[in-house]
Amino acid sequence: MNNKCNKCENKKFDFKCKKENAINSLFEVEHFLCNLKKVCNTVCLYKILK
């Protein structure tokens, strides 16, 4: 267990990597929400035309 703690302490915080990961995650969420909105619009249109 000491090895795990030592590894954690030895790692430096990489802000650039964390920033890129956060931006990529936000883009993925945005695209998911846009696709969800399109699906909802399609379902509503389907119900109207049915």
PDB file of N, CA and C in Angstrom:
ATOM      1  N   MET A   1       0.826  -1.195   0.000  1.00  0.00           N
ATOM      2  CA  MET A   1       0.000   0.000   0.000  1.00  0.00           C
ATOM      3  C   MET A   1       0.870   1.258   0.000  1.00  0.00           C
ATOM      4  N   ASN A   2       2.013   1.182   0.595  1.00  0.00           N
ATOM      5  CA  ASN A   2       2.913   2.340   0.590  1.00  0.00           C
ATOM      6  C   ASN A   2       3.368   2.695  -0.809  1.00  0.00           C
ATOM      7  N   ASN A   3       3.504   1.688  -1.681  1.00  0.00           N
ATOM      8  CA  ASN A   3       3.921   1.960  -3.053  1.00  0.00           C
ATOM      9  C   ASN A   3       2.899   2.839  -3.767  1.00  0.00           C
ATOM     10  N   LYS A   4       1.623   2.569  -3.551  1.00  0.00           N
ATOM     11  CA  LYS A   4       0.579   3.370  -4.194  1.00  0.00           C
ATOM     12  C   LYS A   4       0.635   4.813  -3.708  1.00  0.00           C
ATOM     13  N   CYS A   5       0.830   4.995  -2.429  1.00  0.00           N
ATOM     14  CA  CYS A   5       0.891   6.351  -1.883  1.00  0.00           C
ATOM     15  C   CYS A   5       2.114   7.084  -2.414  1.00  0.00           C
ATOM     16  N   ASN A   6       3.226   6.393  -2.521  1.00  0.00           N
ATOM     17  CA  ASN A   6       4.434   7.019  -3.045  1.00  0.00           C
ATOM     18  C   ASN A   6       4.258   7.414  -4.503  1.00  0.00           C
ATOM     19  N   LYS A   7       3.607   6.575  -5.282  1.00  0.00           N
ATOM     20  CA  LYS A   7       3.375   6.897  -6.684  1.00  0.00           C
ATOM     21  C   LYS A   7       2.504   8.136  -6.813  1.00  0.00           C
ATOM     22  N   CYS A   8       1.494   8.246  -5.963  1.00  0.00           N
ATOM     23  CA  CYS A   8       0.604   9.409  -6.002  1.00  0.00           C
ATOM     24  C   CYS A   8       1.358  10.683  -5.638  1.00  0.00           C
ATOM     25  N   GLU A   9       2.222  10.595  -4.668  1.00  0.00           N
ATOM     26  CA  GLU A   9       2.961  11.770  -4.232  1.00  0.00           C
ATOM     27  C   GLU A   9       3.991  12.187  -5.268  1.00  0.00           C
ATOM     28  N   ASN A  10       4.555  11.218  -5.991  1.00  0.00           N
ATOM     29  CA  ASN A  10       5.587  11.521  -6.968  1.00  0.00           C
ATOM     30  C   ASN A  10       5.017  12.132  -8.243  1.00  0.00           C
ATOM     31  N   LYS A  11       3.772  11.858  -8.548  1.00  0.00           N
ATOM     32  CA  LYS A  11       3.173  12.416  -9.761  1.00  0.00           C
ATOM     33  C   LYS A  11       2.924  13.904  -9.580  1.00  0.00           C
ATOM     34  N   LYS A  12       3.256  14.645 -10.636  1.00  0.00           N
ATOM     35  CA  LYS A  12       2.967  16.079 -10.611  1.00  0.00           C
ATOM     36  C   LYS A  12       1.637  16.320 -11.290  1.00  0.00           C
ATOM     37  N   PHE A  13       0.967  17.367 -10.889  1.00  0.00           N
ATOM     38  CA  PHE A  13      -0.324  17.722 -11.470  1.00  0.00           C
ATOM     39  C   PHE A  13      -0.086  18.343 -12.839  1.00  0.00           C
ATOM     40  N   ASP A  14      -0.633  17.706 -13.871  1.00  0.00           N
ATOM     41  CA  ASP A  14      -0.454  18.175 -15.240  1.00  0.00           C
ATOM     42  C   ASP A  14      -1.693  18.977 -15.640  1.00  0.00           C
ATOM     43  N   PHE A  15      -1.618  20.298 -15.458  1.00  0.00           N
ATOM     44  CA  PHE A  15      -2.768  21.161 -15.715  1.00  0.00           C
ATOM     45  C   PHE A  15      -3.170  21.145 -17.180  1.00  0.00           C
ATOM     46  N   LYS A  16      -2.180  21.125 -18.085  1.00  0.00           N
ATOM     47  CA  LYS A  16      -2.477  21.154 -19.514  1.00  0.00           C
ATOM     48  C   LYS A  16      -3.289  19.922 -19.916  1.00  0.00           C
ATOM     49  N   CYS A  17      -2.900  18.773 -19.423  1.00  0.00           N
ATOM     50  CA  CYS A  17      -3.611  17.530 -19.739  1.00  0.00           C
ATOM     51  C   CYS A  17      -5.027  17.564 -19.162  1.00  0.00           C
ATOM     52  N   LYS A  18      -5.164  18.012 -17.925  1.00  0.00           N
ATOM     53  CA  LYS A  18      -6.481  18.086 -17.284  1.00  0.00           C
ATOM     54  C   LYS A  18      -7.387  19.056 -18.031  1.00  0.00           C
ATOM     55  N   LYS A  19      -6.817  20.165 -18.488  1.00  0.00           N
ATOM     56  CA  LYS A  19      -7.581  21.176 -19.219  1.00  0.00           C
ATOM     57  C   LYS A  19      -8.108  20.588 -20.529  1.00  0.00           C
ATOM     58  N   GLU A  20      -7.237  19.896 -21.272  1.00  0.00           N
ATOM     59  CA  GLU A  20      -7.652  19.286 -22.531  1.00  0.00           C
ATOM     60  C   GLU A  20      -8.730  18.230 -22.300  1.00  0.00           C
ATOM     61  N   ASN A  21      -8.583  17.435 -21.251  1.00  0.00           N
ATOM     62  CA  ASN A  21      -9.585  16.413 -20.947  1.00  0.00           C
ATOM     63  C   ASN A  21     -10.927  17.047 -20.599  1.00  0.00           C
ATOM     64  N   ALA A  22     -10.901  18.139 -19.847  1.00  0.00           N
ATOM     65  CA  ALA A  22     -12.143  18.815 -19.476  1.00  0.00           C
ATOM     66  C   ALA A  22     -12.825  19.409 -20.705  1.00  0.00           C
ATOM     67  N   ILE A  23     -12.052  20.002 -21.598  1.00  0.00           N
ATOM     68  CA  ILE A  23     -12.624  20.585 -22.814  1.00  0.00           C
ATOM     69  C   ILE A  23     -13.233  19.503 -23.690  1.00  0.00           C
ATOM     70  N   ASN A  24     -12.519  18.387 -23.841  1.00  0.00           N
ATOM     71  CA  ASN A  24     -13.049  17.279 -24.641  1.00  0.00           C
ATOM     72  C   ASN A  24     -14.338  16.730 -24.036  1.00  0.00           C
ATOM     73  N   SER A  25     -14.385  16.630 -22.728  1.00  0.00           N
ATOM     74  CA  SER A  25     -15.594  16.138 -22.063  1.00  0.00           C
ATOM     75  C   SER A  25     -16.766  17.084 -22.290  1.00  0.00           C
ATOM     76  N   LEU A  26     -16.510  18.382 -22.226  1.00  0.00           N
ATOM     77  CA  LEU A  26     -17.579  19.358 -22.448  1.00  0.00           C
ATOM     78  C   LEU A  26     -18.099  19.290 -23.881  1.00  0.00           C
ATOM     79  N   PHE A  27     -17.202  19.092 -24.853  1.00  0.00           N
ATOM     80  CA  PHE A  27     -17.627  18.950 -26.243  1.00  0.00           C
ATOM     81  C   PHE A  27     -18.493  17.704 -26.413  1.00  0.00           C
ATOM     82  N   GLU A  28     -18.097  16.608 -25.754  1.00  0.00           N
ATOM     83  CA  GLU A  28     -18.877  15.380 -25.845  1.00  0.00           C
ATOM     84  C   GLU A  28     -20.268  15.572 -25.252  1.00  0.00           C
ATOM     85  N   VAL A  29     -20.369  16.258 -24.135  1.00  0.00           N
ATOM     86  CA  VAL A  29     -21.667  16.518 -23.508  1.00  0.00           C
ATOM     87  C   VAL A  29     -22.513  17.400 -24.416  1.00  0.00           C
ATOM     88  N   GLU A  30     -21.904  18.428 -25.001  1.00  0.00           N
ATOM     89  CA  GLU A  30     -22.630  19.324 -25.894  1.00  0.00           C
ATOM     90  C   GLU A  30     -23.179  18.564 -27.101  1.00  0.00           C
ATOM     91  N   HIS A  31     -22.379  17.715 -27.699  1.00  0.00           N
ATOM     92  CA  HIS A  31     -22.826  16.943 -28.856  1.00  0.00           C
ATOM     93  C   HIS A  31     -23.925  15.968 -28.473  1.00  0.00           C
ATOM     94  N   PHE A  32     -23.799  15.356 -27.295  1.00  0.00           N
ATOM     95  CA  PHE A  32     -24.840  14.447 -26.829  1.00  0.00           C
ATOM     96  C   PHE A  32     -26.162  15.180 -26.663  1.00  0.00           C
ATOM     97  N   LEU A  33     -26.121  16.365 -26.061  1.00  0.00           N
ATOM     98  CA  LEU A  33     -27.350  17.123 -25.840  1.00  0.00           C
ATOM     99  C   LEU A  33     -27.959  17.586 -27.159  1.00  0.00           C
ATOM    100  N   CYS A  34     -27.133  17.969 -28.113  1.00  0.00           N
ATOM    101  CA  CYS A  34     -27.651  18.370 -29.437  1.00  0.00           C
ATOM    102  C   CYS A  34     -28.317  17.183 -30.119  1.00  0.00           C
ATOM    103  N   ASN A  35     -27.689  16.026 -30.050  1.00  0.00           N
ATOM    104  CA  ASN A  35     -28.273  14.827 -30.654  1.00  0.00           C
ATOM    105  C   ASN A  35     -29.566  14.433 -29.951  1.00  0.00           C
ATOM    106  N   LEU A  36     -29.605  14.595 -28.639  1.00  0.00           N
ATOM    107  CA  LEU A  36     -30.818  14.287 -27.883  1.00  0.00           C
ATOM    108  C   LEU A  36     -31.952  15.220 -28.294  1.00  0.00           C
ATOM    109  N   LYS A  37     -31.623  16.490 -28.501  1.00  0.00           N
ATOM    110  CA  LYS A  37     -32.629  17.460 -28.931  1.00  0.00           C
ATOM    111  C   LYS A  37     -33.170  17.085 -30.310  1.00  0.00           C
ATOM    112  N   LYS A  38     -32.288  16.658 -31.225  1.00  0.00           N
ATOM    113  CA  LYS A  38     -32.718  16.244 -32.558  1.00  0.00           C
ATOM    114  C   LYS A  38     -33.633  15.031 -32.478  1.00  0.00           C
ATOM    115  N   VAL A  39     -33.311  14.091 -31.607  1.00  0.00           N
ATOM    116  CA  VAL A  39     -34.141  12.895 -31.443  1.00  0.00           C
ATOM    117  C   VAL A  39     -35.520  13.282 -30.905  1.00  0.00           C
ATOM    118  N   CYS A  40     -35.541  14.171 -29.934  1.00  0.00           N
ATOM    119  CA  CYS A  40     -36.828  14.614 -29.374  1.00  0.00           C
ATOM    120  C   CYS A  40     -37.668  15.313 -30.439  1.00  0.00           C
ATOM    121  N   ASN A  41     -37.035  16.151 -31.251  1.00  0.00           N
ATOM    122  CA  ASN A  41     -37.759  16.831 -32.324  1.00  0.00           C
ATOM    123  C   ASN A  41     -38.290  15.830 -33.334  1.00  0.00           C
ATOM    124  N   THR A  42     -37.506  14.809 -33.643  1.00  0.00           N
ATOM    125  CA  THR A  42     -37.936  13.781 -34.585  1.00  0.00           C
ATOM    126  C   THR A  42     -39.123  13.005 -34.037  1.00  0.00           C
ATOM    127  N   VAL A  43     -39.095  12.675 -32.764  1.00  0.00           N
ATOM    128  CA  VAL A  43     -40.196  11.938 -32.145  1.00  0.00           C
ATOM    129  C   VAL A  43     -41.455  12.791 -32.144  1.00  0.00           C
ATOM    130  N   CYS A  44     -41.318  14.057 -31.821  1.00  0.00           N
ATOM    131  CA  CYS A  44     -42.495  14.946 -31.830  1.00  0.00           C
ATOM    132  C   CYS A  44     -43.064  15.053 -33.240  1.00  0.00           C
ATOM    133  N   LEU A  45     -42.206  15.191 -34.232  1.00  0.00           N
ATOM    134  CA  LEU A  45     -42.650  15.269 -35.605  1.00  0.00           C
ATOM    135  C   LEU A  45     -43.350  13.987 -36.025  1.00  0.00           C
ATOM    136  N   TYR A  46     -42.808  12.871 -35.607  1.00  0.00           N
ATOM    137  CA  TYR A  46     -43.415  11.578 -35.907  1.00  0.00           C
ATOM    138  C   TYR A  46     -44.816  11.480 -35.315  1.00  0.00           C
ATOM    139  N   LYS A  47     -44.960  11.935 -34.066  1.00  0.00           N
ATOM    140  CA  LYS A  47     -46.274  11.889 -33.406  1.00  0.00           C
ATOM    141  C   LYS A  47     -47.277  12.781 -34.139  1.00  0.00           C
ATOM    142  N   ILE A  48     -46.829  13.938 -34.599  1.00  0.00           N
ATOM    143  CA  ILE A  48     -47.714  14.861 -35.307  1.00  0.00           C
ATOM    144  C   ILE A  48     -48.167  14.263 -36.636  1.00  0.00           C
ATOM    145  N   LEU A  49     -47.216  13.678 -37.367  1.00  0.00           N
ATOM    146  CA  LEU A  49     -47.533  13.138 -38.692  1.00  0.00           C
ATOM    147  C   LEU A  49     -48.241  11.796 -38.631  1.00  0.00           C
ATOM    148  N   LYS A  50     -48.211  11.150 -37.518  1.00  0.00           N
ATOM    149  CA  LYS A  50     -48.869   9.854 -37.359  1.00  0.00           C
ATOM    150  C   LYS A  50     -50.341  10.045 -37.367  1.00  0.00           C
TER     151      LYS A  50
END
